[in-house]
Amino acid sequence: YEKIGTDQDGRELRLMDILESEPVDVVG
């Protein structure tokens, strides 16, 4: 749940958010 930065829209990103994304979403 540790914050690792923000995405292009300024939303907070956590490591869990990135690693648990669906493969299609990540690639896209």
PDB file of all heavy atoms in Angstrom:
ATOM      1  N   TYR A   1       0.821  -1.212   0.000  1.00  0.00           N
ATOM      2  CA  TYR A   1       0.000   0.000   0.000  1.00  0.00           C
ATOM      3  C   TYR A   1       0.856   1.262   0.000  1.00  0.00           C
ATOM      4  O   TYR A   1       0.334   2.368   0.035  1.00  0.00           O
ATOM      5  CB  TYR A   1      -0.928   0.004   1.220  1.00  0.00           C
ATOM      6  CG  TYR A   1      -1.966  -1.082   1.166  1.00  0.00           C
ATOM      7  CD1 TYR A   1      -1.732  -2.325   1.755  1.00  0.00           C
ATOM      8  CD2 TYR A   1      -3.176  -0.885   0.510  1.00  0.00           C
ATOM      9  CE1 TYR A   1      -2.682  -3.329   1.693  1.00  0.00           C
ATOM     10  CE2 TYR A   1      -4.134  -1.886   0.449  1.00  0.00           C
ATOM     11  CZ  TYR A   1      -3.878  -3.103   1.039  1.00  0.00           C
ATOM     12  OH  TYR A   1      -4.810  -4.100   0.971  1.00  0.00           O
ATOM     13  N   GLU A   2       2.181   1.087  -0.043  1.00  0.00           N
ATOM     14  CA  GLU A   2       3.067   2.248  -0.007  1.00  0.00           C
ATOM     15  C   GLU A   2       2.968   3.052  -1.308  1.00  0.00           C
ATOM     16  O   GLU A   2       2.954   2.504  -2.409  1.00  0.00           O
ATOM     17  CB  GLU A   2       4.514   1.771   0.187  1.00  0.00           C
ATOM     18  CG  GLU A   2       5.505   2.898   0.334  1.00  0.00           C
ATOM     19  CD  GLU A   2       6.873   2.359   0.704  1.00  0.00           C
ATOM     20  OE1 GLU A   2       6.953   1.212   1.166  1.00  0.00           O
ATOM     21  OE2 GLU A   2       7.842   3.088   0.520  1.00  0.00           O
ATOM     22  N   LYS A   3       2.899   4.386  -1.182  1.00  0.00           N
ATOM     23  CA  LYS A   3       2.817   5.267  -2.342  1.00  0.00           C
ATOM     24  C   LYS A   3       4.146   5.241  -3.100  1.00  0.00           C
ATOM     25  O   LYS A   3       5.218   5.329  -2.518  1.00  0.00           O
ATOM     26  CB  LYS A   3       2.507   6.696  -1.902  1.00  0.00           C
ATOM     27  CG  LYS A   3       2.430   7.689  -3.058  1.00  0.00           C
ATOM     28  CD  LYS A   3       2.172   9.092  -2.548  1.00  0.00           C
ATOM     29  CE  LYS A   3       2.218  10.105  -3.698  1.00  0.00           C
ATOM     30  NZ  LYS A   3       2.006  11.489  -3.229  1.00  0.00           N
ATOM     31  N   ILE A   4       4.056   5.108  -4.451  1.00  0.00           N
ATOM     32  CA  ILE A   4       5.280   5.086  -5.249  1.00  0.00           C
ATOM     33  C   ILE A   4       5.305   6.225  -6.263  1.00  0.00           C
ATOM     34  O   ILE A   4       6.273   6.367  -7.017  1.00  0.00           O
ATOM     35  CB  ILE A   4       5.439   3.738  -5.998  1.00  0.00           C
ATOM     36  CG1 ILE A   4       4.251   3.513  -6.926  1.00  0.00           C
ATOM     37  CG2 ILE A   4       5.622   2.600  -5.026  1.00  0.00           C
ATOM     38  CD1 ILE A   4       4.398   2.293  -7.830  1.00  0.00           C
ATOM     39  N   GLY A   5       4.264   7.050  -6.300  1.00  0.00           N
ATOM     40  CA  GLY A   5       4.256   8.161  -7.246  1.00  0.00           C
ATOM     41  C   GLY A   5       2.846   8.465  -7.713  1.00  0.00           C
ATOM     42  O   GLY A   5       1.867   8.083  -7.060  1.00  0.00           O
ATOM     43  N   THR A   6       2.728   9.164  -8.832  1.00  0.00           N
ATOM     44  CA  THR A   6       1.421   9.496  -9.400  1.00  0.00           C
ATOM     45  C   THR A   6       1.409   9.157 -10.883  1.00  0.00           C
ATOM     46  O   THR A   6       2.463   9.117 -11.535  1.00  0.00           O
ATOM     47  CB  THR A   6       1.102  10.991  -9.216  1.00  0.00           C
ATOM     48  OG1 THR A   6       2.158  11.767  -9.803  1.00  0.00           O
ATOM     49  CG2 THR A   6       0.984  11.349  -7.740  1.00  0.00           C
ATOM     50  N   ASP A   7       0.207   8.928 -11.430  1.00  0.00           N
ATOM     51  CA  ASP A   7       0.116   8.651 -12.858  1.00  0.00           C
ATOM     52  C   ASP A   7      -0.018   9.962 -13.631  1.00  0.00           C
ATOM     53  O   ASP A   7       0.082  11.060 -13.078  1.00  0.00           O
ATOM     54  CB  ASP A   7      -1.048   7.694 -13.140  1.00  0.00           C
ATOM     55  CG  ASP A   7      -2.408   8.301 -12.797  1.00  0.00           C
ATOM     56  OD1 ASP A   7      -2.500   9.536 -12.570  1.00  0.00           O
ATOM     57  OD2 ASP A   7      -3.378   7.536 -12.761  1.00  0.00           O
ATOM     58  N   GLN A   8      -0.271   9.864 -14.933  1.00  0.00           N
ATOM     59  CA  GLN A   8      -0.307  11.042 -15.798  1.00  0.00           C
ATOM     60  C   GLN A   8      -1.416  12.014 -15.408  1.00  0.00           C
ATOM     61  O   GLN A   8      -1.317  13.227 -15.611  1.00  0.00           O
ATOM     62  CB  GLN A   8      -0.497  10.593 -17.255  1.00  0.00           C
ATOM     63  CG  GLN A   8      -0.329  11.724 -18.276  1.00  0.00           C
ATOM     64  CD  GLN A   8      -0.412  11.195 -19.688  1.00  0.00           C
ATOM     65  OE1 GLN A   8      -0.670  10.024 -19.899  1.00  0.00           O
ATOM     66  NE2 GLN A   8      -0.195  12.056 -20.654  1.00  0.00           N
ATOM     67  N   ASP A   9      -2.480  11.485 -14.788  1.00  0.00           N
ATOM     68  CA  ASP A   9      -3.607  12.330 -14.383  1.00  0.00           C
ATOM     69  C   ASP A   9      -3.482  12.843 -12.958  1.00  0.00           C
ATOM     70  O   ASP A   9      -4.412  13.466 -12.432  1.00  0.00           O
ATOM     71  CB  ASP A   9      -4.921  11.551 -14.532  1.00  0.00           C
ATOM     72  CG  ASP A   9      -5.178  11.140 -15.975  1.00  0.00           C
ATOM     73  OD1 ASP A   9      -4.862  11.939 -16.885  1.00  0.00           O
ATOM     74  OD2 ASP A   9      -5.680  10.024 -16.170  1.00  0.00           O
ATOM     75  N   GLY A  10      -2.336  12.592 -12.321  1.00  0.00           N
ATOM     76  CA  GLY A  10      -2.122  13.085 -10.966  1.00  0.00           C
ATOM     77  C   GLY A  10      -2.681  12.202  -9.884  1.00  0.00           C
ATOM     78  O   GLY A  10      -2.665  12.572  -8.704  1.00  0.00           O
ATOM     79  N   ARG A  11      -3.183  11.018 -10.236  1.00  0.00           N
ATOM     80  CA  ARG A  11      -3.732  10.111  -9.235  1.00  0.00           C
ATOM     81  C   ARG A  11      -2.603   9.359  -8.535  1.00  0.00           C
ATOM     82  O   ARG A  11      -1.618   8.969  -9.163  1.00  0.00           O
ATOM     83  CB  ARG A  11      -4.703   9.121  -9.877  1.00  0.00           C
ATOM     84  CG  ARG A  11      -5.983   9.748 -10.415  1.00  0.00           C
ATOM     85  CD  ARG A  11      -6.945   8.659 -10.863  1.00  0.00           C
ATOM     86  NE  ARG A  11      -6.390   7.909 -11.980  1.00  0.00           N
ATOM     87  CZ  ARG A  11      -6.778   8.054 -13.238  1.00  0.00           C
ATOM     88  NH1 ARG A  11      -7.737   8.914 -13.537  1.00  0.00           N
ATOM     89  NH2 ARG A  11      -6.230   7.340 -14.205  1.00  0.00           N
ATOM     90  N   GLU A  12      -2.785   9.136  -7.241  1.00  0.00           N
ATOM     91  CA  GLU A  12      -1.774   8.428  -6.460  1.00  0.00           C
ATOM     92  C   GLU A  12      -1.665   6.970  -6.914  1.00  0.00           C
ATOM     93  O   GLU A  12      -2.663   6.296  -7.142  1.00  0.00           O
ATOM     94  CB  GLU A  12      -2.148   8.478  -4.979  1.00  0.00           C
ATOM     95  CG  GLU A  12      -1.138   7.778  -4.067  1.00  0.00           C
ATOM     96  CD  GLU A  12      -1.515   7.927  -2.607  1.00  0.00           C
ATOM     97  OE1 GLU A  12      -1.590   9.083  -2.155  1.00  0.00           O
ATOM     98  OE2 GLU A  12      -1.753   6.893  -1.948  1.00  0.00           O
ATOM     99  N   LEU A  13      -0.427   6.495  -7.053  1.00  0.00           N
ATOM    100  CA  LEU A  13      -0.181   5.107  -7.441  1.00  0.00           C
ATOM    101  C   LEU A  13       0.463   4.368  -6.282  1.00  0.00           C
ATOM    102  O   LEU A  13       1.373   4.872  -5.644  1.00  0.00           O
ATOM    103  CB  LEU A  13       0.755   5.038  -8.652  1.00  0.00           C
ATOM    104  CG  LEU A  13       0.161   5.321 -10.025  1.00  0.00           C
ATOM    105  CD1 LEU A  13       1.272   5.271 -11.064  1.00  0.00           C
ATOM    106  CD2 LEU A  13      -0.917   4.314 -10.370  1.00  0.00           C
ATOM    107  N   ARG A  14      -0.041   3.156  -6.005  1.00  0.00           N
ATOM    108  CA  ARG A  14       0.581   2.269  -5.031  1.00  0.00           C
ATOM    109  C   ARG A  14       1.147   1.071  -5.784  1.00  0.00           C
ATOM    110  O   ARG A  14       0.706   0.745  -6.876  1.00  0.00           O
ATOM    111  CB  ARG A  14      -0.453   1.802  -4.004  1.00  0.00           C
ATOM    112  CG  ARG A  14      -1.079   2.928  -3.186  1.00  0.00           C
ATOM    113  CD  ARG A  14      -2.277   2.425  -2.418  1.00  0.00           C
ATOM    114  NE  ARG A  14      -3.316   1.917  -3.301  1.00  0.00           N
ATOM    115  CZ  ARG A  14      -4.400   1.271  -2.883  1.00  0.00           C
ATOM    116  NH1 ARG A  14      -4.570   1.030  -1.613  1.00  0.00           N
ATOM    117  NH2 ARG A  14      -5.291   0.846  -3.753  1.00  0.00           N
ATOM    118  N   LEU A  15       2.118   0.411  -5.172  1.00  0.00           N
ATOM    119  CA  LEU A  15       2.722  -0.761  -5.818  1.00  0.00           C
ATOM    120  C   LEU A  15       1.658  -1.812  -6.096  1.00  0.00           C
ATOM    121  O   LEU A  15       1.648  -2.449  -7.153  1.00  0.00           O
ATOM    122  CB  LEU A  15       3.811  -1.345  -4.918  1.00  0.00           C
ATOM    123  CG  LEU A  15       4.690  -2.445  -5.516  1.00  0.00           C
ATOM    124  CD1 LEU A  15       5.365  -1.967  -6.783  1.00  0.00           C
ATOM    125  CD2 LEU A  15       5.713  -2.910  -4.511  1.00  0.00           C
ATOM    126  N   MET A  16       0.712  -1.980  -5.168  1.00  0.00           N
ATOM    127  CA  MET A  16      -0.355  -2.964  -5.361  1.00  0.00           C
ATOM    128  C   MET A  16      -1.194  -2.629  -6.585  1.00  0.00           C
ATOM    129  O   MET A  16      -1.602  -3.518  -7.333  1.00  0.00           O
ATOM    130  CB  MET A  16      -1.241  -3.005  -4.115  1.00  0.00           C
ATOM    131  CG  MET A  16      -2.354  -4.061  -4.193  1.00  0.00           C
ATOM    132  SD  MET A  16      -3.434  -4.021  -2.750  1.00  0.00           S
ATOM    133  CE  MET A  16      -4.301  -2.484  -3.077  1.00  0.00           C
ATOM    134  N   ASP A  17      -1.463  -1.303  -6.801  1.00  0.00           N
ATOM    135  CA  ASP A  17      -2.284  -0.899  -7.945  1.00  0.00           C
ATOM    136  C   ASP A  17      -1.657  -1.331  -9.252  1.00  0.00           C
ATOM    137  O   ASP A  17      -2.330  -1.763 -10.190  1.00  0.00           O
ATOM    138  CB  ASP A  17      -2.461   0.623  -7.959  1.00  0.00           C
ATOM    139  CG  ASP A  17      -3.245   1.106  -6.739  1.00  0.00           C
ATOM    140  OD1 ASP A  17      -4.087   0.332  -6.241  1.00  0.00           O
ATOM    141  OD2 ASP A  17      -2.996   2.238  -6.306  1.00  0.00           O
ATOM    142  N   ILE A  18      -0.331  -1.209  -9.346  1.00  0.00           N
ATOM    143  CA  ILE A  18       0.365  -1.529 -10.585  1.00  0.00           C
ATOM    144  C   ILE A  18       0.464  -3.029 -10.788  1.00  0.00           C
ATOM    145  O   ILE A  18       0.122  -3.563 -11.844  1.00  0.00           O
ATOM    146  CB  ILE A  18       1.773  -0.903 -10.587  1.00  0.00           C
ATOM    147  CG1 ILE A  18       1.645   0.620 -10.627  1.00  0.00           C
ATOM    148  CG2 ILE A  18       2.587  -1.391 -11.778  1.00  0.00           C
ATOM    149  CD1 ILE A  18       2.963   1.349 -10.510  1.00  0.00           C
ATOM    150  N   LEU A  19       0.896  -3.751  -9.738  1.00  0.00           N
ATOM    151  CA  LEU A  19       1.122  -5.179  -9.899  1.00  0.00           C
ATOM    152  C   LEU A  19      -0.165  -5.979 -10.005  1.00  0.00           C
ATOM    153  O   LEU A  19      -0.186  -7.054 -10.568  1.00  0.00           O
ATOM    154  CB  LEU A  19       1.963  -5.707  -8.727  1.00  0.00           C
ATOM    155  CG  LEU A  19       3.406  -5.204  -8.713  1.00  0.00           C
ATOM    156  CD1 LEU A  19       4.132  -5.755  -7.499  1.00  0.00           C
ATOM    157  CD2 LEU A  19       4.145  -5.610  -9.983  1.00  0.00           C
ATOM    158  N   GLU A  20      -1.273  -5.442  -9.462  1.00  0.00           N
ATOM    159  CA  GLU A  20      -2.528  -6.177  -9.530  1.00  0.00           C
ATOM    160  C   GLU A  20      -3.381  -5.762 -10.720  1.00  0.00           C
ATOM    161  O   GLU A  20      -4.488  -6.244 -10.891  1.00  0.00           O
ATOM    162  CB  GLU A  20      -3.320  -5.982  -8.231  1.00  0.00           C
ATOM    163  CG  GLU A  20      -2.699  -6.726  -7.056  1.00  0.00           C
ATOM    164  CD  GLU A  20      -3.627  -6.780  -5.863  1.00  0.00           C
ATOM    165  OE1 GLU A  20      -4.552  -5.957  -5.805  1.00  0.00           O
ATOM    166  OE2 GLU A  20      -3.424  -7.655  -5.013  1.00  0.00           O
ATOM    167  N   SER A  21      -2.872  -4.854 -11.558  1.00  0.00           N
ATOM    168  CA  SER A  21      -3.625  -4.469 -12.747  1.00  0.00           C
ATOM    169  C   SER A  21      -3.780  -5.655 -13.677  1.00  0.00           C
ATOM    170  O   SER A  21      -2.913  -6.526 -13.751  1.00  0.00           O
ATOM    171  CB  SER A  21      -2.889  -3.350 -13.498  1.00  0.00           C
ATOM    172  OG  SER A  21      -2.803  -2.192 -12.702  1.00  0.00           O
ATOM    173  N   GLU A  22      -4.881  -5.704 -14.397  1.00  0.00           N
ATOM    174  CA  GLU A  22      -5.056  -6.749 -15.393  1.00  0.00           C
ATOM    175  C   GLU A  22      -3.990  -6.594 -16.470  1.00  0.00           C
ATOM    176  O   GLU A  22      -3.622  -5.480 -16.834  1.00  0.00           O
ATOM    177  CB  GLU A  22      -6.442  -6.638 -16.043  1.00  0.00           C
ATOM    178  CG  GLU A  22      -7.579  -6.981 -15.104  1.00  0.00           C
ATOM    179  CD  GLU A  22      -7.547  -8.433 -14.687  1.00  0.00           C
ATOM    180  OE1 GLU A  22      -7.094  -9.259 -15.509  1.00  0.00           O
ATOM    181  OE2 GLU A  22      -7.957  -8.747 -13.569  1.00  0.00           O
ATOM    182  N   PRO A  23      -3.458  -7.694 -17.003  1.00  0.00           N
ATOM    183  CA  PRO A  23      -2.403  -7.612 -18.011  1.00  0.00           C
ATOM    184  C   PRO A  23      -2.744  -6.688 -19.168  1.00  0.00           C
ATOM    185  O   PRO A  23      -1.899  -5.930 -19.639  1.00  0.00           O
ATOM    186  CB  PRO A  23      -2.271  -9.068 -18.473  1.00  0.00           C
ATOM    187  CG  PRO A  23      -2.721  -9.862 -17.290  1.00  0.00           C
ATOM    188  CD  PRO A  23      -3.816  -9.068 -16.641  1.00  0.00           C
ATOM    189  N   VAL A  24      -3.992  -6.742 -19.637  1.00  0.00           N
ATOM    190  CA  VAL A  24      -4.369  -5.896 -20.769  1.00  0.00           C
ATOM    191  C   VAL A  24      -4.249  -4.434 -20.405  1.00  0.00           C
ATOM    192  O   VAL A  24      -3.780  -3.615 -21.179  1.00  0.00           O
ATOM    193  CB  VAL A  24      -5.811  -6.222 -21.226  1.00  0.00           C
ATOM    194  CG1 VAL A  24      -6.258  -5.248 -22.308  1.00  0.00           C
ATOM    195  CG2 VAL A  24      -5.884  -7.654 -21.750  1.00  0.00           C
ATOM    196  N   ASP A  25      -4.672  -4.066 -19.194  1.00  0.00           N
ATOM    197  CA  ASP A  25      -4.593  -2.679 -18.749  1.00  0.00           C
ATOM    198  C   ASP A  25      -3.149  -2.206 -18.670  1.00  0.00           C
ATOM    199  O   ASP A  25      -2.831  -1.084 -19.039  1.00  0.00           O
ATOM    200  CB  ASP A  25      -5.256  -2.521 -17.383  1.00  0.00           C
ATOM    201  CG  ASP A  25      -6.758  -2.757 -17.443  1.00  0.00           C
ATOM    202  OD1 ASP A  25      -7.345  -2.541 -18.524  1.00  0.00           O
ATOM    203  OD2 ASP A  25      -7.312  -3.165 -16.422  1.00  0.00           O
ATOM    204  N   VAL A  26      -2.283  -3.068 -18.157  1.00  0.00           N
ATOM    205  CA  VAL A  26      -0.876  -2.694 -18.023  1.00  0.00           C
ATOM    206  C   VAL A  26      -0.263  -2.438 -19.388  1.00  0.00           C
ATOM    207  O   VAL A  26       0.368  -1.409 -19.635  1.00  0.00           O
ATOM    208  CB  VAL A  26      -0.082  -3.810 -17.287  1.00  0.00           C
ATOM    209  CG1 VAL A  26       1.401  -3.483 -17.310  1.00  0.00           C
ATOM    210  CG2 VAL A  26      -0.565  -3.938 -15.848  1.00  0.00           C
ATOM    211  N   VAL A  27      -0.457  -3.381 -20.314  1.00  0.00           N
ATOM    212  CA  VAL A  27       0.123  -3.232 -21.646  1.00  0.00           C
ATOM    213  C   VAL A  27      -0.459  -2.016 -22.351  1.00  0.00           C
ATOM    214  O   VAL A  27       0.252  -1.251 -23.019  1.00  0.00           O
ATOM    215  CB  VAL A  27      -0.134  -4.512 -22.486  1.00  0.00           C
ATOM    216  CG1 VAL A  27       0.341  -4.302 -23.913  1.00  0.00           C
ATOM    217  CG2 VAL A  27       0.575  -5.695 -21.861  1.00  0.00           C
ATOM    218  N   GLY A  28      -1.759  -1.795 -22.185  1.00  0.00           N
ATOM    219  CA  GLY A  28      -2.394  -0.676 -22.868  1.00  0.00           C
ATOM    220  C   GLY A  28      -1.923   0.674 -22.389  1.00  0.00           C
ATOM    221  O   GLY A  28      -2.061   1.670 -23.099  1.00  0.00           O
TER     222      GLY A  28
END
